Amino acid sequence: MKIYTKSGDKGKTSLVGGKRVSKASKRVESYGTLDYLNSWIGRIIAQSKEKHPEIANDLEKIQHLLFDMQTDLASEKGEFYLKVGSSRFLEEKIDLYTNLSEPIKKFILPGGTLLASDTHIARTITRNAERKIVKLLEEEMVNEEILIFINRLSDYFFALAREFNRLENEKDKFYE
């Protein structure tokens, strides 16, 4: 089976159900940004799976949930794959990592270890995806659970970046 179809050669792509839309549509921009995020998470998993297998497993779970969101965003039918309450898993992890870290006294500069730095990049990609999803939601029906999950996900990545630094005895750098 060939992986190229040539059906997108004129700047159109198919949504779930077959409807053709511009590759620059807000819907495609939204799920495309989640695809970018999912790939970046793969990079974090590759770096963390040996030293931090539990975190790598959590990140893989998030990858599956991102695929659910991408499917939701690629469908105009209103059949939702991301289930209500999916963000509770993230909230538990945010609370755990926050409790393990030093209290925040000032803004934290993104950085530290390579894992923490890459996790901060995932946080900013998540915020970018959130903005695109909000723009889409202003015009079209979208599973509202996606916005809740994405909002928690950026907080999760912030807390996880701090946790990666803590695990490697790297101090957060504060904004002066």
C-alpha atoms as a PDB file:
ATOM      1  CA  MET A   1       0.000   0.000   0.000  1.00  0.00           C
ATOM      2  CA  LYS A   2       1.341   3.419  -0.930  1.00  0.00           C
ATOM      3  CA  ILE A   3       1.289   6.118   1.722  1.00  0.00           C
ATOM      4  CA  TYR A   4       0.665   8.909  -0.765  1.00  0.00           C
ATOM      5  CA  THR A   5      -2.730   9.406  -2.346  1.00  0.00           C
ATOM      6  CA  LYS A   6      -2.206  12.593  -4.368  1.00  0.00           C
ATOM      7  CA  SER A   7      -5.670  13.678  -3.198  1.00  0.00           C
ATOM      8  CA  GLY A   8      -4.165  16.591  -1.258  1.00  0.00           C
ATOM      9  CA  ASP A   9      -2.112  17.971  -4.112  1.00  0.00           C
ATOM     10  CA  LYS A  10      -4.463  20.916  -4.576  1.00  0.00           C
ATOM     11  CA  GLY A  11      -4.520  21.993  -0.918  1.00  0.00           C
ATOM     12  CA  LYS A  12      -7.578  20.022   0.208  1.00  0.00           C
ATOM     13  CA  THR A  13      -7.896  17.176   2.681  1.00  0.00           C
ATOM     14  CA  SER A  14     -10.708  14.922   3.851  1.00  0.00           C
ATOM     15  CA  LEU A  15     -12.360  15.058   7.244  1.00  0.00           C
ATOM     16  CA  VAL A  16     -13.782  11.952   8.909  1.00  0.00           C
ATOM     17  CA  GLY A  17     -16.811  11.177   6.760  1.00  0.00           C
ATOM     18  CA  GLY A  18     -15.204  12.319   3.517  1.00  0.00           C
ATOM     19  CA  LYS A  19     -15.970  16.056   3.404  1.00  0.00           C
ATOM     20  CA  ARG A  20     -13.156  17.911   1.612  1.00  0.00           C
ATOM     21  CA  VAL A  21     -11.795  21.073   3.246  1.00  0.00           C
ATOM     22  CA  SER A  22      -8.840  23.403   2.849  1.00  0.00           C
ATOM     23  CA  LYS A  23      -5.670  22.247   4.555  1.00  0.00           C
ATOM     24  CA  ALA A  24      -5.558  25.777   6.012  1.00  0.00           C
ATOM     25  CA  SER A  25      -8.999  25.492   7.657  1.00  0.00           C
ATOM     26  CA  LYS A  26      -9.264  26.137  11.389  1.00  0.00           C
ATOM     27  CA  ARG A  27     -10.286  22.524  11.938  1.00  0.00           C
ATOM     28  CA  VAL A  28      -7.213  21.159  10.144  1.00  0.00           C
ATOM     29  CA  GLU A  29      -4.969  23.732  11.868  1.00  0.00           C
ATOM     30  CA  SER A  30      -6.334  22.533  15.221  1.00  0.00           C
ATOM     31  CA  TYR A  31      -5.761  18.825  14.749  1.00  0.00           C
ATOM     32  CA  GLY A  32      -2.519  19.475  12.882  1.00  0.00           C
ATOM     33  CA  THR A  33      -1.113  21.336  15.875  1.00  0.00           C
ATOM     34  CA  LEU A  34      -2.101  18.404  18.097  1.00  0.00           C
ATOM     35  CA  ASP A  35      -0.215  16.147  15.691  1.00  0.00           C
ATOM     36  CA  TYR A  36       2.853  18.359  16.114  1.00  0.00           C
ATOM     37  CA  LEU A  37       2.443  18.168  19.896  1.00  0.00           C
ATOM     38  CA  ASN A  38       2.043  14.391  19.760  1.00  0.00           C
ATOM     39  CA  SER A  39       5.278  14.082  17.804  1.00  0.00           C
ATOM     40  CA  TRP A  40       7.082  16.306  20.303  1.00  0.00           C
ATOM     41  CA  ILE A  41       5.803  14.129  23.139  1.00  0.00           C
ATOM     42  CA  GLY A  42       7.352  11.165  21.292  1.00  0.00           C
ATOM     43  CA  ARG A  43      10.697  12.949  21.591  1.00  0.00           C
ATOM     44  CA  ILE A  44      10.211  13.381  25.352  1.00  0.00           C
ATOM     45  CA  ILE A  45       9.266   9.702  25.692  1.00  0.00           C
ATOM     46  CA  ALA A  46      12.393   8.655  23.792  1.00  0.00           C
ATOM     47  CA  GLN A  47      14.531  10.636  26.243  1.00  0.00           C
ATOM     48  CA  SER A  48      12.712   9.569  29.413  1.00  0.00           C
ATOM     49  CA  LYS A  49      11.717   5.916  28.976  1.00  0.00           C
ATOM     50  CA  GLU A  50      14.882   4.427  30.495  1.00  0.00           C
ATOM     51  CA  LYS A  51      15.307   6.703  33.533  1.00  0.00           C
ATOM     52  CA  HIS A  52      11.643   7.591  34.096  1.00  0.00           C
ATOM     53  CA  PRO A  53       9.482   4.750  32.705  1.00  0.00           C
ATOM     54  CA  GLU A  54       6.364   5.708  34.708  1.00  0.00           C
ATOM     55  CA  ILE A  55       6.427   9.213  33.245  1.00  0.00           C
ATOM     56  CA  ALA A  56       7.026   7.787  29.757  1.00  0.00           C
ATOM     57  CA  ASN A  57       3.964   5.546  30.234  1.00  0.00           C
ATOM     58  CA  ASP A  58       1.884   8.558  31.294  1.00  0.00           C
ATOM     59  CA  LEU A  59       3.058  10.444  28.229  1.00  0.00           C
ATOM     60  CA  GLU A  60       2.080   7.535  26.004  1.00  0.00           C
ATOM     61  CA  LYS A  61      -1.384   7.591  27.565  1.00  0.00           C
ATOM     62  CA  ILE A  62      -1.545  11.297  26.699  1.00  0.00           C
ATOM     63  CA  GLN A  63      -0.534  10.490  23.118  1.00  0.00           C
ATOM     64  CA  HIS A  64      -3.534   8.159  22.822  1.00  0.00           C
ATOM     65  CA  LEU A  65      -5.829  10.845  24.233  1.00  0.00           C
ATOM     66  CA  LEU A  66      -4.412  13.338  21.726  1.00  0.00           C
ATOM     67  CA  PHE A  67      -5.325  10.932  18.932  1.00  0.00           C
ATOM     68  CA  ASP A  68      -8.870  10.847  20.333  1.00  0.00           C
ATOM     69  CA  MET A  69      -8.916  14.658  20.217  1.00  0.00           C
ATOM     70  CA  GLN A  70      -7.540  14.718  16.685  1.00  0.00           C
ATOM     71  CA  THR A  71     -10.306  12.340  15.625  1.00  0.00           C
ATOM     72  CA  ASP A  72     -12.892  14.573  17.312  1.00  0.00           C
ATOM     73  CA  LEU A  73     -11.507  17.640  15.567  1.00  0.00           C
ATOM     74  CA  ALA A  74     -11.401  15.865  12.192  1.00  0.00           C
ATOM     75  CA  SER A  75     -15.085  14.972  12.489  1.00  0.00           C
ATOM     76  CA  GLU A  76     -18.033  17.305  12.072  1.00  0.00           C
ATOM     77  CA  LYS A  77     -20.543  14.623  13.077  1.00  0.00           C
ATOM     78  CA  GLY A  78     -20.427  15.232  16.811  1.00  0.00           C
ATOM     79  CA  GLU A  79     -19.264  11.700  17.662  1.00  0.00           C
ATOM     80  CA  PHE A  80     -16.825  12.348  20.458  1.00  0.00           C
ATOM     81  CA  TYR A  81     -13.963  10.035  21.347  1.00  0.00           C
ATOM     82  CA  LEU A  82     -12.433  12.081  24.161  1.00  0.00           C
ATOM     83  CA  LYS A  83     -14.592  11.302  27.153  1.00  0.00           C
ATOM     84  CA  VAL A  84     -15.779  13.668  29.879  1.00  0.00           C
ATOM     85  CA  GLY A  85     -13.399  13.586  32.832  1.00  0.00           C
ATOM     86  CA  SER A  86     -10.281  12.692  30.828  1.00  0.00           C
ATOM     87  CA  SER A  87      -8.498  15.648  32.411  1.00  0.00           C
ATOM     88  CA  ARG A  88      -8.739  14.191  35.964  1.00  0.00           C
ATOM     89  CA  PHE A  89      -5.686  12.039  35.237  1.00  0.00           C
ATOM     90  CA  LEU A  90      -3.731  15.201  34.440  1.00  0.00           C
ATOM     91  CA  GLU A  91      -4.961  17.002  37.549  1.00  0.00           C
ATOM     92  CA  GLU A  92      -3.714  14.154  39.747  1.00  0.00           C
ATOM     93  CA  LYS A  93      -0.274  14.298  38.143  1.00  0.00           C
ATOM     94  CA  ILE A  94      -0.139  18.112  38.352  1.00  0.00           C
ATOM     95  CA  ASP A  95      -0.922  17.945  42.071  1.00  0.00           C
ATOM     96  CA  LEU A  96       1.692  15.233  42.614  1.00  0.00           C
ATOM     97  CA  TYR A  97       4.492  17.062  40.791  1.00  0.00           C
ATOM     98  CA  THR A  98       3.594  20.417  42.311  1.00  0.00           C
ATOM     99  CA  ASN A  99       3.731  18.962  45.817  1.00  0.00           C
ATOM    100  CA  LEU A 100       7.175  17.466  45.116  1.00  0.00           C
ATOM    101  CA  SER A 101       8.621  20.765  43.834  1.00  0.00           C
ATOM    102  CA  GLU A 102       9.769  23.851  45.683  1.00  0.00           C
ATOM    103  CA  PRO A 103       7.058  26.504  46.021  1.00  0.00           C
ATOM    104  CA  ILE A 104       6.990  29.020  43.175  1.00  0.00           C
ATOM    105  CA  LYS A 105       8.031  32.505  44.250  1.00  0.00           C
ATOM    106  CA  LYS A 106       8.583  34.128  40.840  1.00  0.00           C
ATOM    107  CA  PHE A 107       8.077  33.310  37.191  1.00  0.00           C
ATOM    108  CA  ILE A 108      10.232  30.375  36.112  1.00  0.00           C
ATOM    109  CA  LEU A 109      12.388  30.589  33.008  1.00  0.00           C
ATOM    110  CA  PRO A 110      11.890  27.653  30.644  1.00  0.00           C
ATOM    111  CA  GLY A 111      14.933  25.419  30.708  1.00  0.00           C
ATOM    112  CA  GLY A 112      17.082  23.320  32.947  1.00  0.00           C
ATOM    113  CA  THR A 113      17.733  19.786  31.755  1.00  0.00           C
ATOM    114  CA  LEU A 114      17.141  18.772  28.141  1.00  0.00           C
ATOM    115  CA  LEU A 115      14.026  16.857  29.234  1.00  0.00           C
ATOM    116  CA  ALA A 116      12.675  19.863  31.122  1.00  0.00           C
ATOM    117  CA  SER A 117      13.464  22.158  28.190  1.00  0.00           C
ATOM    118  CA  ASP A 118      11.700  19.868  25.723  1.00  0.00           C
ATOM    119  CA  THR A 119       8.750  19.634  28.114  1.00  0.00           C
ATOM    120  CA  HIS A 120       8.505  23.421  28.209  1.00  0.00           C
ATOM    121  CA  ILE A 121       8.387  23.357  24.404  1.00  0.00           C
ATOM    122  CA  ALA A 122       5.521  20.845  24.646  1.00  0.00           C
ATOM    123  CA  ARG A 123       3.781  23.310  26.982  1.00  0.00           C
ATOM    124  CA  THR A 124       4.052  26.119  24.426  1.00  0.00           C
ATOM    125  CA  ILE A 125       2.874  23.875  21.568  1.00  0.00           C
ATOM    126  CA  THR A 126      -0.092  22.967  23.768  1.00  0.00           C
ATOM    127  CA  ARG A 127      -0.922  26.643  24.327  1.00  0.00           C
ATOM    128  CA  ASN A 128      -0.697  27.214  20.566  1.00  0.00           C
ATOM    129  CA  ALA A 129      -3.082  24.301  19.967  1.00  0.00           C
ATOM    130  CA  GLU A 130      -5.435  25.718  22.597  1.00  0.00           C
ATOM    131  CA  ARG A 131      -5.609  29.077  20.792  1.00  0.00           C
ATOM    132  CA  LYS A 132      -6.385  27.348  17.496  1.00  0.00           C
ATOM    133  CA  ILE A 133      -9.087  25.198  19.104  1.00  0.00           C
ATOM    134  CA  VAL A 134     -10.675  28.267  20.724  1.00  0.00           C
ATOM    135  CA  LYS A 135     -10.827  29.982  17.310  1.00  0.00           C
ATOM    136  CA  LEU A 136     -12.462  26.881  15.852  1.00  0.00           C
ATOM    137  CA  LEU A 137     -14.905  26.631  18.752  1.00  0.00           C
ATOM    138  CA  GLU A 138     -16.040  30.214  18.106  1.00  0.00           C
ATOM    139  CA  GLU A 139     -17.374  29.105  14.703  1.00  0.00           C
ATOM    140  CA  GLU A 140     -18.041  25.369  14.804  1.00  0.00           C
ATOM    141  CA  MET A 141     -19.148  22.592  17.102  1.00  0.00           C
ATOM    142  CA  VAL A 142     -16.248  20.980  18.946  1.00  0.00           C
ATOM    143  CA  ASN A 143     -16.142  18.516  21.829  1.00  0.00           C
ATOM    144  CA  GLU A 144     -15.814  20.965  24.725  1.00  0.00           C
ATOM    145  CA  GLU A 145     -13.900  18.362  26.745  1.00  0.00           C
ATOM    146  CA  ILE A 146     -10.983  18.980  24.369  1.00  0.00           C
ATOM    147  CA  LEU A 147     -10.590  22.547  25.577  1.00  0.00           C
ATOM    148  CA  ILE A 148     -10.681  21.451  29.222  1.00  0.00           C
ATOM    149  CA  PHE A 149      -8.084  18.727  28.580  1.00  0.00           C
ATOM    150  CA  ILE A 150      -5.798  21.015  26.572  1.00  0.00           C
ATOM    151  CA  ASN A 151      -5.917  23.685  29.265  1.00  0.00           C
ATOM    152  CA  ARG A 152      -4.898  21.122  31.911  1.00  0.00           C
ATOM    153  CA  LEU A 153      -2.277  19.639  29.596  1.00  0.00           C
ATOM    154  CA  SER A 154      -0.261  22.854  29.431  1.00  0.00           C
ATOM    155  CA  ASP A 155      -0.316  23.002  33.239  1.00  0.00           C
ATOM    156  CA  TYR A 156       0.746  19.343  33.326  1.00  0.00           C
ATOM    157  CA  PHE A 157       3.740  20.084  31.096  1.00  0.00           C
ATOM    158  CA  PHE A 158       4.753  23.007  33.312  1.00  0.00           C
ATOM    159  CA  ALA A 159       4.607  20.780  36.403  1.00  0.00           C
ATOM    160  CA  LEU A 160       6.359  17.925  34.580  1.00  0.00           C
ATOM    161  CA  ALA A 161       9.199  20.180  33.406  1.00  0.00           C
ATOM    162  CA  ARG A 162       9.770  21.173  37.020  1.00  0.00           C
ATOM    163  CA  GLU A 163       9.631  17.501  38.030  1.00  0.00           C
ATOM    164  CA  PHE A 164      12.249  16.548  35.419  1.00  0.00           C
ATOM    165  CA  ASN A 165      14.506  19.269  36.812  1.00  0.00           C
ATOM    166  CA  ARG A 166      13.883  18.056  40.378  1.00  0.00           C
ATOM    167  CA  LEU A 167      14.675  14.454  39.441  1.00  0.00           C
ATOM    168  CA  GLU A 168      17.993  15.581  37.938  1.00  0.00           C
ATOM    169  CA  ASN A 169      18.817  17.971  40.836  1.00  0.00           C
ATOM    170  CA  GLU A 170      18.591  20.957  38.510  1.00  0.00           C
ATOM    171  CA  LYS A 171      17.306  24.135  40.161  1.00  0.00           C
ATOM    172  CA  ASP A 172      14.601  26.179  38.461  1.00  0.00           C
ATOM    173  CA  LYS A 173      15.838  29.517  37.175  1.00  0.00           C
ATOM    174  CA  PHE A 174      13.633  32.431  38.180  1.00  0.00           C
ATOM    175  CA  TYR A 175      12.823  35.529  36.196  1.00  0.00           C
ATOM    176  CA  GLU A 176      14.622  38.593  37.618  1.00  0.00           C
END
